[in-house]
Amino acid sequence: MKKSISKILGTAAVLTAAAVMLAGCAKKEAAQGGAEAAAPKKVEKKVIKVTTKFVDNEQTAKSLVKFVEGVNSRSNGSLDLQLFTGGTFPYGKDGMELIVNGGDVIQCDGINFIADYVPDYDAVTGPFLYRSFDEYMAMTKTKLIQDLNEQALQKGIRVMSLDWVFGFRSMMTNKVIKTPADMKGLKIRVPTSAVYTYTLEAMGASPIGMPYPDTYSAIQQGVIDGVEGSILTYWGTKQYENVHKYSLTRHILGVSAVCISEKCWQSLTSEQQQIITEELAKATKDNLDETNKLESEYADDLQKNLGVEFNEVDADAFEKAAAVVYTKFPKWTPGIYDKIQAELATIRANLKK
């Protein structure tokens, strides 16, 4: 009997040890399985097209290169931003349509193209509103503009920045322009925008809408007599080879918006969104800093080395002539112009402090 009991106890000990071993293995496997479940899934590479009309020599394009390179470098292969400059990918009206329809697209182009969906954007970039870059930058931070950005979001457009300034736009022709009367009969290219069309009409010209990349040959062929644009655009697109007078009307501040499809944005991880946001902020500052510096440098080069003649104009006469533009937009919110002027009065008072 004692022998049988010992045998039974020995068997029990073996079974207990085996149970402990199995429990330990099960616990280890469970821990490994939990770790595997907790491991993040591999993020598939997201390709996003970045489109702009600006050519490689223009500062906006140069700053966009830094934006794209910064995002691609920091994303460790999860993002592949591909930059298309000089209108080599749909941009402007066509680019904004891709964004609204949910395409994987970022566009840097005129704010007027957002105005096709939220008309009041045209009002805040109208003629003769701003006297400095600082005034405009302050305007983009107001509740008025934030409300417009929210309206754009409802249309599928996420406005990431309105601060891509490229300078005040003036006249590039072969004729010295000093008054609205001097503009009579001149065929001047404008963007496909009602604000620009009405502004140039009010200033005395015959506006012709066309893509900017087409303007160089259009001037040579006599289709147009000139273009309007910033000093940076004049220098960067080499229009000085065709037209040699730069009349400083400063009729509209040249600014671009950077927008992305909201559908594309929501498809990104929070980390990807943060990388894009931070790199865009760096590039926006780079563009502003360089634009401030290069305006005077390019103006000197155009006059001293490239045969361009600069001249001032009767600013009051042009501003008075262009006032009619603000009466031509029935889709604008009633009183929007007065709201803009009230914001500007506050901004100017704050800037003087």
Protein backbone atom coordinates (compact mmCIF):
# COMPACT_ATOMS: atom_id res chain seq x y z
CA MET A 1 0.00 0.00 0.00
CA LYS A 2 2.85 2.42 0.91
CA LYS A 3 4.44 1.72 -2.45
CA SER A 4 1.19 2.43 -4.27
CA ILE A 5 0.71 5.72 -2.42
CA SER A 6 4.26 6.80 -3.25
CA LYS A 7 3.67 5.96 -6.89
CA ILE A 8 0.46 7.96 -6.90
CA LEU A 9 2.14 10.93 -5.24
CA GLY A 10 5.01 10.78 -7.75
CA THR A 11 2.59 10.77 -10.65
CA ALA A 12 0.73 13.74 -9.16
CA ALA A 13 3.98 15.67 -8.85
CA VAL A 14 4.81 15.04 -12.48
CA LEU A 15 1.35 16.16 -13.58
CA THR A 16 1.59 19.30 -11.47
CA ALA A 17 4.96 20.19 -12.96
CA ALA A 18 3.61 19.63 -16.43
CA ALA A 19 0.62 21.83 -15.70
CA VAL A 20 2.87 24.62 -14.46
CA MET A 21 5.03 24.33 -17.57
CA LEU A 22 2.01 24.43 -19.87
CA ALA A 23 0.59 27.43 -18.03
CA GLY A 24 3.90 29.21 -18.41
CA CYS A 25 4.01 28.50 -22.15
CA ALA A 26 0.44 29.66 -22.54
CA LYS A 27 1.22 32.89 -20.68
CA LYS A 28 4.28 33.49 -22.87
CA GLU A 29 2.30 32.87 -26.03
CA ALA A 30 -0.48 35.18 -24.83
CA ALA A 31 2.06 37.90 -24.10
CA GLN A 32 3.62 37.48 -27.53
CA GLY A 33 0.22 37.54 -29.18
CA GLY A 34 -0.70 40.71 -27.27
CA ALA A 35 2.51 42.39 -28.37
CA GLU A 36 1.82 41.44 -31.98
CA ALA A 37 -1.71 42.81 -31.72
CA ALA A 38 -0.42 46.04 -30.19
CA ALA A 39 2.22 46.54 -32.91
CA PRO A 40 1.17 49.30 -35.35
CA LYS A 41 0.14 48.24 -38.79
CA LYS A 42 2.44 49.25 -41.60
CA VAL A 43 1.18 52.48 -43.20
CA GLU A 44 0.93 52.32 -46.98
CA LYS A 45 2.74 55.05 -48.90
CA LYS A 46 0.44 57.97 -49.75
CA VAL A 47 1.18 59.77 -53.02
CA ILE A 48 -0.03 63.38 -53.17
CA LYS A 49 0.37 65.66 -56.20
CA VAL A 50 1.41 69.24 -55.38
CA THR A 51 0.48 71.58 -58.23
CA THR A 52 1.22 75.23 -58.97
CA LYS A 53 1.41 77.61 -61.91
CA PHE A 54 4.67 79.13 -60.63
CA VAL A 55 7.79 78.26 -62.61
CA ASP A 56 10.98 76.92 -61.07
CA ASN A 57 12.72 80.33 -60.99
CA GLU A 58 9.94 81.94 -58.94
CA GLN A 59 10.27 82.07 -55.17
CA THR A 60 6.93 80.37 -54.55
CA ALA A 61 8.12 77.31 -56.48
CA LYS A 62 11.44 77.32 -54.63
CA SER A 63 9.70 77.37 -51.25
CA LEU A 64 7.34 74.60 -52.38
CA VAL A 65 10.41 72.46 -53.17
CA LYS A 66 11.51 72.86 -49.55
CA PHE A 67 8.01 71.94 -48.36
CA VAL A 68 7.90 68.77 -50.45
CA GLU A 69 11.43 67.70 -49.54
CA GLY A 70 10.80 68.32 -45.85
CA VAL A 71 7.61 66.26 -45.79
CA ASN A 72 9.08 63.37 -47.77
CA SER A 73 12.20 63.26 -45.61
CA ARG A 74 10.35 63.29 -42.29
CA SER A 75 7.64 60.80 -43.25
CA ASN A 76 10.09 57.86 -43.55
CA GLY A 77 8.54 56.75 -46.80
CA SER A 78 4.90 56.94 -45.74
CA LEU A 79 4.32 60.11 -47.80
CA ASP A 80 5.40 60.83 -51.35
CA LEU A 81 4.62 64.42 -52.28
CA GLN A 82 5.27 65.04 -55.98
CA LEU A 83 5.68 68.68 -57.07
CA PHE A 84 4.51 69.90 -60.49
CA THR A 85 5.51 73.50 -61.30
CA GLY A 86 4.75 75.76 -64.26
CA GLY A 87 1.28 74.35 -64.86
CA THR A 88 2.50 70.85 -65.78
CA PHE A 89 -0.34 69.30 -63.74
CA PRO A 90 -3.94 70.60 -63.60
CA TYR A 91 -3.97 73.79 -61.52
CA GLY A 92 -6.16 76.82 -60.92
CA LYS A 93 -9.81 76.09 -61.66
CA ASP A 94 -9.06 72.52 -62.77
CA GLY A 95 -6.86 71.85 -59.76
CA MET A 96 -9.51 73.12 -57.36
CA GLU A 97 -12.08 70.87 -59.02
CA LEU A 98 -9.81 67.88 -58.32
CA ILE A 99 -9.61 68.95 -54.68
CA VAL A 100 -13.36 69.38 -54.31
CA ASN A 101 -13.89 65.93 -55.84
CA GLY A 102 -11.60 64.34 -53.26
CA GLY A 103 -8.39 63.90 -55.25
CA ASP A 104 -5.02 63.39 -53.55
CA VAL A 105 -3.96 66.92 -54.48
CA ILE A 106 -2.43 69.98 -52.83
CA GLN A 107 -2.67 73.22 -54.81
CA CYS A 108 -0.80 76.49 -54.40
CA ASP A 109 -2.60 79.06 -56.51
CA GLY A 110 -4.78 82.15 -56.42
CA ILE A 111 -7.37 82.61 -53.69
CA ASN A 112 -9.82 83.49 -56.46
CA PHE A 113 -10.13 79.79 -57.27
CA ILE A 114 -11.55 79.11 -53.80
CA ALA A 115 -13.94 81.98 -54.49
CA ASP A 116 -15.61 79.84 -57.15
CA TYR A 117 -17.02 77.91 -54.17
CA VAL A 118 -17.04 80.61 -51.46
CA PRO A 119 -17.52 83.95 -53.28
CA ASP A 120 -16.51 86.21 -50.37
CA TYR A 121 -12.86 85.20 -50.81
CA ASP A 122 -12.79 87.47 -53.84
CA ALA A 123 -13.82 90.39 -51.66
CA VAL A 124 -10.84 90.02 -49.31
CA THR A 125 -8.38 90.02 -52.20
CA GLY A 126 -9.97 92.83 -54.16
CA PRO A 127 -8.23 95.88 -55.69
CA PHE A 128 -6.47 98.54 -53.63
CA LEU A 129 -7.27 97.01 -50.23
CA TYR A 130 -3.84 96.58 -48.65
CA ARG A 131 -0.89 98.91 -48.21
CA SER A 132 1.56 96.32 -46.89
CA PHE A 133 2.15 92.60 -46.49
CA ASP A 134 1.63 92.99 -42.74
CA GLU A 135 -1.91 94.29 -43.21
CA TYR A 136 -2.84 91.28 -45.30
CA MET A 137 -1.17 88.80 -42.94
CA ALA A 138 -3.15 90.24 -40.05
CA MET A 139 -6.35 89.97 -42.09
CA THR A 140 -5.86 86.21 -42.63
CA LYS A 141 -5.94 85.73 -38.82
CA THR A 142 -9.31 87.45 -38.33
CA LYS A 143 -12.55 85.67 -37.52
CA LEU A 144 -13.92 86.92 -40.83
CA ILE A 145 -11.37 84.83 -42.72
CA GLN A 146 -11.63 81.87 -40.36
CA ASP A 147 -15.36 81.76 -41.07
CA LEU A 148 -14.64 81.68 -44.82
CA ASN A 149 -12.19 78.82 -44.28
CA GLU A 150 -14.91 76.88 -42.47
CA GLN A 151 -17.27 77.43 -45.40
CA ALA A 152 -14.60 76.14 -47.77
CA LEU A 153 -14.17 73.04 -45.59
CA GLN A 154 -17.86 72.27 -46.04
CA LYS A 155 -17.17 72.22 -49.79
CA GLY A 156 -14.35 69.69 -49.38
CA ILE A 157 -11.54 72.29 -49.45
CA ARG A 158 -9.17 72.43 -46.48
CA VAL A 159 -7.41 75.81 -46.61
CA MET A 160 -4.01 75.18 -45.05
CA SER A 161 -2.54 78.63 -45.70
CA LEU A 162 -3.55 81.94 -47.27
CA ASP A 163 -0.16 83.52 -46.55
CA TRP A 164 1.85 82.78 -49.69
CA VAL A 165 2.54 86.36 -50.72
CA PHE A 166 4.41 87.09 -53.93
CA GLY A 167 4.11 90.87 -54.06
CA PHE A 168 1.90 93.69 -55.24
CA ARG A 169 0.83 93.32 -58.86
CA SER A 170 1.62 96.07 -61.36
CA MET A 171 1.66 96.54 -65.13
CA MET A 172 4.27 95.01 -67.47
CA THR A 173 3.98 96.58 -70.91
CA ASN A 174 5.99 98.46 -73.53
CA LYS A 175 4.13 101.68 -72.73
CA VAL A 176 4.59 103.99 -69.76
CA ILE A 177 1.33 104.01 -67.80
CA LYS A 178 0.55 106.82 -65.38
CA THR A 179 -3.24 107.25 -65.51
CA PRO A 180 -6.24 105.08 -66.42
CA ALA A 181 -6.37 106.89 -69.77
CA ASP A 182 -2.97 105.38 -70.63
CA MET A 183 -4.47 101.89 -70.34
CA LYS A 184 -7.07 102.43 -73.04
CA GLY A 185 -6.83 99.86 -75.83
CA LEU A 186 -4.16 97.74 -74.13
CA LYS A 187 -4.85 93.99 -74.20
CA ILE A 188 -3.69 92.74 -70.82
CA ARG A 189 -3.65 89.12 -69.69
CA VAL A 190 -5.50 88.41 -66.44
CA PRO A 191 -6.16 85.19 -64.51
CA THR A 192 -9.52 83.54 -65.13
CA SER A 193 -11.08 85.55 -62.33
CA ALA A 194 -13.97 88.00 -62.31
CA VAL A 195 -12.17 90.26 -59.82
CA TYR A 196 -9.15 90.64 -62.09
CA THR A 197 -11.30 91.08 -65.18
CA TYR A 198 -13.45 93.81 -63.60
CA THR A 199 -10.39 95.48 -62.05
CA LEU A 200 -8.48 95.76 -65.31
CA GLU A 201 -11.61 96.94 -67.13
CA ALA A 202 -12.12 99.64 -64.49
CA MET A 203 -8.47 100.64 -64.82
CA GLY A 204 -9.01 101.19 -68.55
CA ALA A 205 -7.55 98.05 -70.16
CA SER A 206 -9.05 95.27 -72.27
CA PRO A 207 -8.52 92.17 -70.08
CA ILE A 208 -7.90 88.78 -71.70
CA GLY A 209 -8.07 85.65 -69.58
CA MET A 210 -5.47 82.97 -70.26
CA PRO A 211 -3.15 80.61 -68.35
CA TYR A 212 0.00 82.42 -67.27
CA PRO A 213 2.40 79.93 -68.92
CA ASP A 214 0.91 80.96 -72.29
CA THR A 215 1.66 84.66 -71.85
CA TYR A 216 5.29 84.70 -72.96
CA SER A 217 4.50 83.55 -76.50
CA ALA A 218 1.21 85.51 -76.54
CA ILE A 219 3.13 88.77 -76.11
CA GLN A 220 5.59 87.83 -78.85
CA GLN A 221 2.71 87.02 -81.21
CA GLY A 222 0.84 90.23 -80.43
CA VAL A 223 -2.14 88.43 -78.92
CA ILE A 224 -1.71 90.58 -75.80
CA ASP A 225 0.16 93.82 -75.11
CA GLY A 226 1.33 92.87 -71.65
CA VAL A 227 0.55 91.28 -68.33
CA GLU A 228 0.05 92.37 -64.77
CA GLY A 229 2.00 90.77 -61.95
CA SER A 230 4.58 91.15 -59.22
CA ILE A 231 8.24 92.04 -59.52
CA LEU A 232 9.10 88.45 -58.61
CA THR A 233 6.90 87.15 -61.41
CA TYR A 234 8.36 89.68 -63.86
CA TRP A 235 11.89 88.54 -63.07
CA GLY A 236 11.19 84.83 -62.61
CA THR A 237 9.27 84.36 -65.87
CA LYS A 238 11.68 86.56 -67.88
CA GLN A 239 8.90 88.79 -69.18
CA TYR A 240 11.50 91.58 -69.30
CA GLU A 241 12.63 89.98 -72.56
CA ASN A 242 9.28 90.99 -74.10
CA VAL A 243 8.06 94.08 -72.23
CA HIS A 244 10.31 96.77 -70.78
CA LYS A 245 8.10 99.12 -68.76
CA TYR A 246 6.95 98.38 -65.22
CA SER A 247 4.26 100.81 -64.07
CA LEU A 248 3.72 100.61 -60.31
CA THR A 249 -0.07 100.50 -60.08
CA ARG A 250 0.10 98.04 -57.14
CA HIS A 251 -3.55 97.34 -57.88
CA ILE A 252 -3.85 93.94 -56.17
CA LEU A 253 -1.69 92.15 -53.63
CA GLY A 254 -0.52 88.90 -55.20
CA VAL A 255 -1.23 86.04 -52.78
CA SER A 256 -1.75 82.31 -53.12
CA ALA A 257 -3.66 79.81 -51.06
CA VAL A 258 -2.40 76.34 -50.26
CA CYS A 259 -5.32 73.91 -50.19
CA ILE A 260 -5.76 70.16 -49.89
CA SER A 261 -8.73 67.89 -50.46
CA GLU A 262 -10.46 67.28 -47.15
CA LYS A 263 -10.99 63.67 -48.17
CA CYS A 264 -7.25 63.30 -48.74
CA TRP A 265 -6.50 65.02 -45.43
CA GLN A 266 -8.77 62.68 -43.46
CA SER A 267 -7.09 59.66 -45.06
CA LEU A 268 -3.77 60.64 -43.42
CA THR A 269 -2.57 59.58 -40.01
CA SER A 270 -2.31 62.21 -37.29
CA GLU A 271 1.47 62.00 -37.57
CA GLN A 272 1.36 62.61 -41.33
CA GLN A 273 -0.97 65.57 -40.81
CA GLN A 274 1.42 67.04 -38.25
CA ILE A 275 4.41 66.65 -40.57
CA ILE A 276 2.60 68.38 -43.44
CA THR A 277 1.36 71.19 -41.17
CA GLU A 278 4.80 71.85 -39.68
CA GLU A 279 6.69 71.70 -42.96
CA LEU A 280 4.14 73.97 -44.64
CA ALA A 281 4.57 76.55 -41.86
CA LYS A 282 8.36 76.51 -42.42
CA ALA A 283 7.95 76.89 -46.19
CA THR A 284 5.40 79.69 -45.78
CA LYS A 285 7.84 81.66 -43.64
CA ASP A 286 10.63 80.93 -46.12
CA ASN A 287 8.51 82.27 -48.97
CA LEU A 288 7.63 85.46 -47.07
CA ASP A 289 11.18 86.13 -45.90
CA GLU A 290 12.65 85.57 -49.35
CA THR A 291 9.93 87.61 -51.08
CA ASN A 292 10.62 90.58 -48.80
CA LYS A 293 14.32 90.33 -49.56
CA LEU A 294 14.12 89.61 -53.28
CA GLU A 295 11.65 92.34 -54.25
CA SER A 296 14.27 95.05 -53.87
CA GLU A 297 17.07 92.89 -55.30
CA TYR A 298 15.08 92.00 -58.41
CA ALA A 299 13.89 95.58 -58.89
CA ASP A 300 17.52 96.74 -58.90
CA ASP A 301 18.54 93.99 -61.32
CA LEU A 302 15.63 94.69 -63.68
CA GLN A 303 16.48 98.39 -63.85
CA LYS A 304 20.28 98.31 -63.80
CA ASN A 305 21.02 95.18 -65.82
CA LEU A 306 17.93 94.15 -67.79
CA GLY A 307 16.77 97.41 -69.37
CA VAL A 308 13.46 97.81 -67.52
CA GLU A 309 12.05 101.25 -66.78
CA PHE A 310 10.05 101.63 -63.55
CA ASN A 311 7.58 104.47 -63.06
CA GLU A 312 5.07 105.63 -60.45
CA VAL A 313 1.41 106.23 -61.33
CA ASP A 314 -1.48 108.41 -60.21
CA ALA A 315 -2.55 105.98 -57.47
CA ASP A 316 -5.58 108.01 -56.41
CA ALA A 317 -6.95 108.05 -59.95
CA PHE A 318 -6.60 104.29 -60.30
CA GLU A 319 -8.11 103.57 -56.88
CA LYS A 320 -11.07 105.83 -57.63
CA ALA A 321 -11.61 104.13 -61.01
CA ALA A 322 -11.48 100.66 -59.46
CA ALA A 323 -14.05 101.40 -56.74
CA VAL A 324 -16.82 100.21 -59.07
CA VAL A 325 -15.46 96.65 -58.86
CA TYR A 326 -16.98 96.21 -55.40
CA THR A 327 -20.49 96.75 -56.80
CA LYS A 328 -20.33 93.92 -59.35
CA PHE A 329 -20.68 90.80 -57.20
CA PRO A 330 -24.26 89.96 -56.22
CA LYS A 331 -23.08 86.64 -54.71
CA TRP A 332 -20.98 88.42 -52.10
CA THR A 333 -22.49 88.61 -48.62
CA PRO A 334 -24.22 92.00 -48.27
CA GLY A 335 -21.98 94.38 -46.34
CA ILE A 336 -18.82 92.25 -46.74
CA TYR A 337 -16.82 95.19 -48.10
CA ASP A 338 -17.73 97.32 -45.07
CA LYS A 339 -16.70 94.46 -42.75
CA ILE A 340 -13.35 94.22 -44.50
CA GLN A 341 -12.78 97.97 -44.16
CA ALA A 342 -13.68 97.80 -40.45
CA GLU A 343 -11.16 94.97 -39.96
CA LEU A 344 -8.54 96.96 -41.84
CA ALA A 345 -9.11 100.01 -39.65
CA THR A 346 -8.50 97.87 -36.56
CA ILE A 347 -5.47 96.22 -38.12
CA ARG A 348 -3.90 99.55 -39.08
CA ALA A 349 -4.47 100.94 -35.60
CA ASN A 350 -2.82 97.86 -34.06
CA LEU A 351 0.14 98.00 -36.42
CA LYS A 352 0.84 101.61 -35.39
CA LYS A 353 1.14 100.65 -31.73
